[in-house]
Protein backbone atom coordinates (compact mmCIF):
# COMPACT_ATOMS: atom_id res chain seq x y z
CA MET A 1 132.67 -7.75 107.92
CA LYS A 2 133.64 -6.77 111.56
CA LYS A 3 136.08 -4.40 110.20
CA TYR A 4 133.07 -2.39 108.04
CA MET A 5 130.76 -2.56 111.24
CA TYR A 6 133.74 -1.01 112.93
CA LEU A 7 134.44 1.68 110.47
CA LEU A 8 130.93 2.59 109.96
CA LEU A 9 129.79 2.95 114.09
CA LEU A 10 133.12 4.71 114.05
CA ALA A 11 131.65 6.67 111.61
CA VAL A 12 128.47 7.58 113.12
CA MET A 13 130.18 7.97 116.44
CA THR A 14 132.25 10.94 115.14
CA ILE A 15 129.42 12.20 113.38
CA PHE A 16 127.30 12.89 116.56
CA SER A 17 130.43 13.50 118.26
CA ASN A 18 130.85 16.70 116.18
CA GLN A 19 127.50 17.77 116.18
CA GLN A 20 127.42 17.34 120.08
CA ALA A 21 130.65 20.14 119.82
CA SER A 22 128.83 22.09 117.34
CA ALA A 23 125.49 22.64 119.37
CA GLN A 24 127.68 23.08 122.93
CA ASN A 25 129.43 25.66 120.95
CA ALA A 26 126.31 27.22 119.75
CA ALA A 27 124.68 27.48 123.89
CA GLU A 28 127.97 28.84 125.05
CA ALA A 29 127.31 31.56 121.55
CA ARG A 30 124.11 32.48 122.76
CA LYS A 31 124.93 32.49 126.61
CA VAL A 32 127.93 35.49 125.54
CA LEU A 33 125.58 37.24 123.55
CA ASP A 34 122.49 37.27 126.03
CA LYS A 35 125.09 38.91 128.39
CA THR A 36 126.23 41.19 126.10
CA ALA A 37 122.13 42.01 124.94
CA ALA A 38 121.67 42.51 128.87
CA ILE A 39 124.34 45.00 128.79
CA VAL A 40 124.22 46.74 126.03
CA GLY A 41 119.61 46.50 125.90
CA ARG A 42 119.66 48.21 129.19
CA SER A 43 115.83 49.81 129.97
CA GLY A 44 117.24 53.06 130.34
CA GLY A 45 119.33 53.23 127.92
CA ALA A 46 123.37 53.71 126.58
CA SER A 47 125.76 55.75 124.57
CA ALA A 48 128.63 54.72 122.35
CA ASN A 49 130.90 55.72 119.12
CA PHE A 50 131.29 54.31 116.32
CA THR A 51 132.73 54.38 112.76
CA MET A 52 131.97 52.34 109.79
CA SER A 53 133.30 51.21 106.41
CA SER A 54 131.20 50.08 103.95
CA GLY A 55 131.38 49.79 100.45
CA LYS A 56 127.32 49.97 100.22
CA TYR A 57 126.86 52.86 102.86
CA GLY A 58 130.55 54.17 102.49
CA ASN A 59 132.95 55.40 105.53
CA THR A 60 131.38 57.41 108.44
CA SER A 61 131.94 58.02 112.05
CA GLY A 62 129.74 59.30 114.88
CA THR A 63 127.53 58.87 117.86
CA ILE A 64 124.48 57.36 118.66
CA ALA A 65 122.14 56.54 121.38
CA ILE A 66 119.95 53.51 121.78
CA LYS A 67 117.13 52.55 124.14
CA GLY A 68 115.56 48.93 123.24
CA ASN A 69 114.73 48.92 119.08
CA LYS A 70 115.08 52.95 119.32
CA PHE A 71 118.17 54.90 118.16
CA HIS A 72 119.42 58.36 117.81
CA ALA A 73 122.77 58.22 115.46
CA THR A 74 124.68 61.59 114.16
CA THR A 75 127.13 61.02 111.68
CA PRO A 76 129.20 64.18 109.38
CA GLN A 77 126.34 63.99 107.06
CA ALA A 78 123.01 63.04 109.07
CA VAL A 79 121.84 63.05 112.19
CA VAL A 80 118.54 60.06 112.16
CA TRP A 81 115.62 58.76 114.22
CA TYR A 82 114.12 55.70 114.91
CA ASN A 83 111.53 55.42 117.19
CA GLY A 84 110.64 51.36 116.92
CA LYS A 85 108.64 51.68 113.80
CA THR A 86 109.76 54.96 111.75
CA GLN A 87 112.81 56.18 110.75
CA TRP A 88 113.42 60.29 110.12
CA SER A 89 116.61 61.05 108.33
CA TYR A 90 117.73 64.39 108.11
CA MET A 91 120.67 65.03 105.12
CA LYS A 92 122.39 68.02 106.17
CA LYS A 93 123.46 68.49 102.82
CA THR A 94 120.60 68.92 101.88
CA ASP A 95 118.41 70.01 103.95
CA GLU A 96 116.36 66.85 103.61
CA VAL A 97 114.23 64.82 106.19
CA ASN A 98 113.55 61.12 104.50
CA ILE A 99 111.09 59.27 106.38
CA SER A 100 111.46 55.90 106.08
CA ASN A 101 110.14 52.32 107.45
CA PRO A 102 114.12 50.44 107.51
CA ASN A 103 114.61 46.83 107.01
CA GLU A 104 116.70 45.20 109.22
CA ALA A 105 119.79 46.00 107.26
CA GLN A 106 119.05 50.01 106.50
CA GLN A 107 118.46 50.08 110.55
CA MET A 108 121.90 48.32 111.15
CA SER A 109 123.86 50.34 109.22
CA MET A 110 122.66 53.14 111.74
CA ASN A 111 122.53 51.28 114.92
CA PRO A 112 125.80 48.76 115.53
CA TYR A 113 123.44 46.85 117.98
CA LYS A 114 120.58 45.94 116.29
CA PHE A 115 122.01 42.26 116.13
CA ILE A 116 121.24 42.18 120.21
CA THR A 117 117.17 41.15 119.09
CA MET A 118 118.53 39.63 115.96
CA TYR A 119 120.37 36.48 117.31
CA LYS A 120 117.67 34.96 118.98
CA SER A 121 115.71 33.54 116.24
CA GLY A 122 116.44 32.64 112.86
CA TYR A 123 120.36 32.92 112.96
CA THR A 124 122.86 29.55 113.44
CA LEU A 125 125.41 30.41 115.79
CA SER A 126 129.26 29.29 116.14
CA MET A 127 132.00 30.62 118.70
CA LYS A 128 135.38 30.88 118.57
CA ASN A 129 139.02 32.96 120.93
CA VAL A 130 140.54 35.16 119.22
CA GLY A 131 142.78 37.33 120.86
CA GLY A 132 140.96 37.07 123.98
CA ASN A 133 137.77 38.31 122.43
CA LYS A 134 135.22 36.31 121.31
CA GLU A 135 134.19 35.79 117.72
CA ILE A 136 130.75 35.18 116.77
CA HIS A 137 129.73 33.98 113.40
CA MET A 138 125.62 34.52 112.96
CA VAL A 139 124.47 32.48 109.61
CA ALA A 140 121.12 33.29 109.23
CA GLN A 141 119.00 30.19 108.35
CA ASN A 142 116.61 31.91 106.15
CA LYS A 143 119.33 32.76 102.88
CA GLY A 144 116.95 35.49 102.09
CA ARG A 145 117.60 37.25 104.95
CA SER A 146 118.67 40.74 104.39
CA ILE A 147 121.72 40.16 106.85
CA PRO A 148 122.70 36.27 105.97
CA GLU A 149 125.74 36.90 107.60
CA LEU A 150 127.17 38.34 110.46
CA TYR A 151 130.52 38.61 113.01
CA ILE A 152 130.36 40.07 116.37
CA THR A 153 133.36 40.67 118.37
CA VAL A 154 132.80 40.64 122.14
CA ASN A 155 135.35 41.67 124.87
CA SER A 156 135.84 40.01 127.98
CA SER A 157 133.13 42.64 129.51
CA TYR A 158 130.72 41.03 127.44
CA LEU A 159 130.89 44.36 125.15
CA PRO A 160 130.84 44.44 121.22
CA THR A 161 134.23 45.90 119.75
CA GLN A 162 133.31 44.87 116.02
CA ILE A 163 130.69 44.25 113.64
CA LYS A 164 131.12 42.40 110.65
CA MET A 165 127.92 41.86 108.46
CA ARG A 166 127.08 40.86 104.55
CA GLN A 167 124.58 42.11 102.27
CA GLY A 168 124.89 39.71 99.14
CA SER A 169 128.56 39.57 98.58
CA GLN A 170 129.71 43.14 100.13
CA TRP A 171 130.95 43.41 104.00
CA SER A 172 130.53 46.51 106.19
CA THR A 173 132.79 46.99 109.24
CA ILE A 174 131.49 48.50 112.20
CA LYS A 175 134.14 49.37 114.49
CA ILE A 176 132.27 50.66 118.61
CA SER A 177 134.04 52.14 121.22
CA ASN A 178 133.16 54.19 124.76
CA PHE A 179 129.83 52.57 125.76
CA LYS A 180 128.23 54.76 128.26
CA ALA A 181 125.52 53.67 130.22
CA LYS A 182 122.64 56.13 130.03
CA ASN A 183 119.03 57.31 131.21
CA LEU A 184 117.52 58.21 127.35
CA SER A 185 114.21 60.12 127.21
CA ASP A 186 111.80 58.68 124.60
CA ALA A 187 111.49 61.68 123.28
CA THR A 188 115.36 61.26 122.35
CA PHE A 189 114.37 58.90 119.17
CA VAL A 190 111.32 61.30 117.27
CA PHE A 191 112.32 63.69 115.18
CA ASN A 192 110.80 67.50 115.92
CA ALA A 193 109.65 69.45 113.31
CA LYS A 194 110.35 72.54 115.05
CA ASP A 195 114.26 71.82 115.20
CA TYR A 196 114.23 71.80 111.52
CA PRO A 197 112.07 74.82 110.42
CA SER A 198 113.63 74.79 106.98
CA ALA A 199 114.26 71.08 105.91
CA GLU A 200 112.26 69.47 103.46
CA MET A 201 110.04 66.62 104.16
CA VAL A 202 110.01 63.52 101.94
CA ASP A 203 107.76 60.65 102.34
CA LEU A 204 109.27 57.39 101.60
CA ARG A 205 107.12 55.19 103.07
């Protein structure tokens, strides 16, 4: 009986210890992302280069400007503006502008910095060291979320260098470089029809 009680107590202590370690790891992961969000999400805005490889969205590269939840991205295929609610996507090949209210995953396919608001609610966090960087694993608590899982690699300057996101069984990898703080006007993130007089407007909302 004493041996049984000892083993039971040991098991309980092990479980408690693992839970405590997991909670501490999650807290450290959140601190890293808090620092990253403070740098990337500066009130004035910022710009960066990115490349994406994705079974769902294809492969592309380009530049992005961000300011809070707004973004403006340019790739060889398209130019995208998002003002925090409405997205305008100018498709160069067809001379069309698609107007939409994108979901979380659609936003992130063009704005790799979308995670700086996502991590604050609805995700379980964990972190490990990978080659001098921090790799943070985000798993959605609601499995029906449009992005149920992400991996974010953050360097020693607290800048994200790579993001891997999963939709269903498909993964997309976004690599980010050349981050620069930059003061941007809100007009940067709104489509101006005067600049594209021949474009056909397609409202998908």
